[in-house]
Amino acid sequence: MTDTNLANEFSEFEELEAMFGQDTSDLAKMEKVMLTQNLEGFASCFPEWDLHPPVA
């Protein structure tokens, strides 16, 4: 692959990132929500155990 092809591929990725990319703070919020939902879902499978996350 030549340098020109590499430059074109990077510019295409940058263009896609600009169109569809998300802010890192948004991604961090989504990750936190998913982890919380996963933990709550897991804890609900064992109601007699104290697996609930601490209250904020």
C-alpha atoms as a PDB file:
ATOM      1  CA  MET A   1       0.000   0.000   0.000  1.00  0.00           C
ATOM      2  CA  THR A   2       1.365   3.377  -0.915  1.00  0.00           C
ATOM      3  CA  ASP A   3       1.503   6.485   1.232  1.00  0.00           C
ATOM      4  CA  THR A   4      -1.203   8.085  -0.913  1.00  0.00           C
ATOM      5  CA  ASN A   5      -3.559   5.177  -0.325  1.00  0.00           C
ATOM      6  CA  LEU A   6      -2.898   5.307   3.418  1.00  0.00           C
ATOM      7  CA  ALA A   7      -3.576   9.042   3.505  1.00  0.00           C
ATOM      8  CA  ASN A   8      -6.850   8.542   1.602  1.00  0.00           C
ATOM      9  CA  GLU A   9      -7.960   5.780   3.969  1.00  0.00           C
ATOM     10  CA  PHE A  10      -7.215   7.897   7.042  1.00  0.00           C
ATOM     11  CA  SER A  11      -9.113  10.853   5.597  1.00  0.00           C
ATOM     12  CA  GLU A  12     -12.104   8.581   4.915  1.00  0.00           C
ATOM     13  CA  PHE A  13     -12.041   7.334   8.517  1.00  0.00           C
ATOM     14  CA  GLU A  14     -11.770  10.901   9.785  1.00  0.00           C
ATOM     15  CA  GLU A  15     -14.751  11.854   7.644  1.00  0.00           C
ATOM     16  CA  LEU A  16     -16.781   8.931   9.025  1.00  0.00           C
ATOM     17  CA  GLU A  17     -15.741   9.840  12.561  1.00  0.00           C
ATOM     18  CA  ALA A  18     -16.902  13.408  12.010  1.00  0.00           C
ATOM     19  CA  MET A  19     -20.241  12.173  10.675  1.00  0.00           C
ATOM     20  CA  PHE A  20     -20.978   9.369  13.124  1.00  0.00           C
ATOM     21  CA  GLY A  21     -18.491   9.688  15.971  1.00  0.00           C
ATOM     22  CA  GLN A  22     -19.613  10.439  19.481  1.00  0.00           C
ATOM     23  CA  ASP A  23     -18.099  12.560  22.166  1.00  0.00           C
ATOM     24  CA  THR A  24     -16.033  10.528  24.622  1.00  0.00           C
ATOM     25  CA  SER A  25     -18.069  11.888  27.532  1.00  0.00           C
ATOM     26  CA  ASP A  26     -21.217  10.479  25.878  1.00  0.00           C
ATOM     27  CA  LEU A  27     -19.523   7.110  25.503  1.00  0.00           C
ATOM     28  CA  ALA A  28     -18.458   7.133  29.151  1.00  0.00           C
ATOM     29  CA  LYS A  29     -22.052   7.896  30.227  1.00  0.00           C
ATOM     30  CA  MET A  30     -23.422   5.071  28.058  1.00  0.00           C
ATOM     31  CA  GLU A  31     -20.847   2.637  29.430  1.00  0.00           C
ATOM     32  CA  LYS A  32     -21.756   3.555  33.010  1.00  0.00           C
ATOM     33  CA  VAL A  33     -25.475   3.064  32.292  1.00  0.00           C
ATOM     34  CA  MET A  34     -24.858  -0.331  30.671  1.00  0.00           C
ATOM     35  CA  LEU A  35     -22.669  -1.529  33.536  1.00  0.00           C
ATOM     36  CA  THR A  36     -25.284  -0.412  36.068  1.00  0.00           C
ATOM     37  CA  GLN A  37     -28.073  -2.133  34.142  1.00  0.00           C
ATOM     38  CA  ASN A  38     -26.020  -5.316  33.841  1.00  0.00           C
ATOM     39  CA  LEU A  39     -25.267  -5.337  37.560  1.00  0.00           C
ATOM     40  CA  GLU A  40     -28.887  -4.668  38.483  1.00  0.00           C
ATOM     41  CA  GLY A  41     -30.023  -7.417  36.099  1.00  0.00           C
ATOM     42  CA  PHE A  42     -27.553  -9.873  37.596  1.00  0.00           C
ATOM     43  CA  ALA A  43     -28.548  -8.930  41.150  1.00  0.00           C
ATOM     44  CA  SER A  44     -32.217  -9.481  40.352  1.00  0.00           C
ATOM     45  CA  CYS A  45     -31.427 -13.134  39.555  1.00  0.00           C
ATOM     46  CA  PHE A  46     -30.444 -13.644  43.203  1.00  0.00           C
ATOM     47  CA  PRO A  47     -33.002 -11.710  45.277  1.00  0.00           C
ATOM     48  CA  GLU A  48     -31.992 -13.394  48.542  1.00  0.00           C
ATOM     49  CA  TRP A  49     -28.372 -12.255  48.135  1.00  0.00           C
ATOM     50  CA  ASP A  50     -27.267  -8.706  48.871  1.00  0.00           C
ATOM     51  CA  LEU A  51     -25.838  -7.946  45.410  1.00  0.00           C
ATOM     52  CA  HIS A  52     -27.407  -4.557  44.882  1.00  0.00           C
ATOM     53  CA  PRO A  53     -25.009  -1.722  44.052  1.00  0.00           C
ATOM     54  CA  PRO A  54     -24.412   0.911  46.707  1.00  0.00           C
ATOM     55  CA  VAL A  55     -26.805   3.846  46.663  1.00  0.00           C
ATOM     56  CA  ALA A  56     -25.185   7.004  45.325  1.00  0.00           C
END
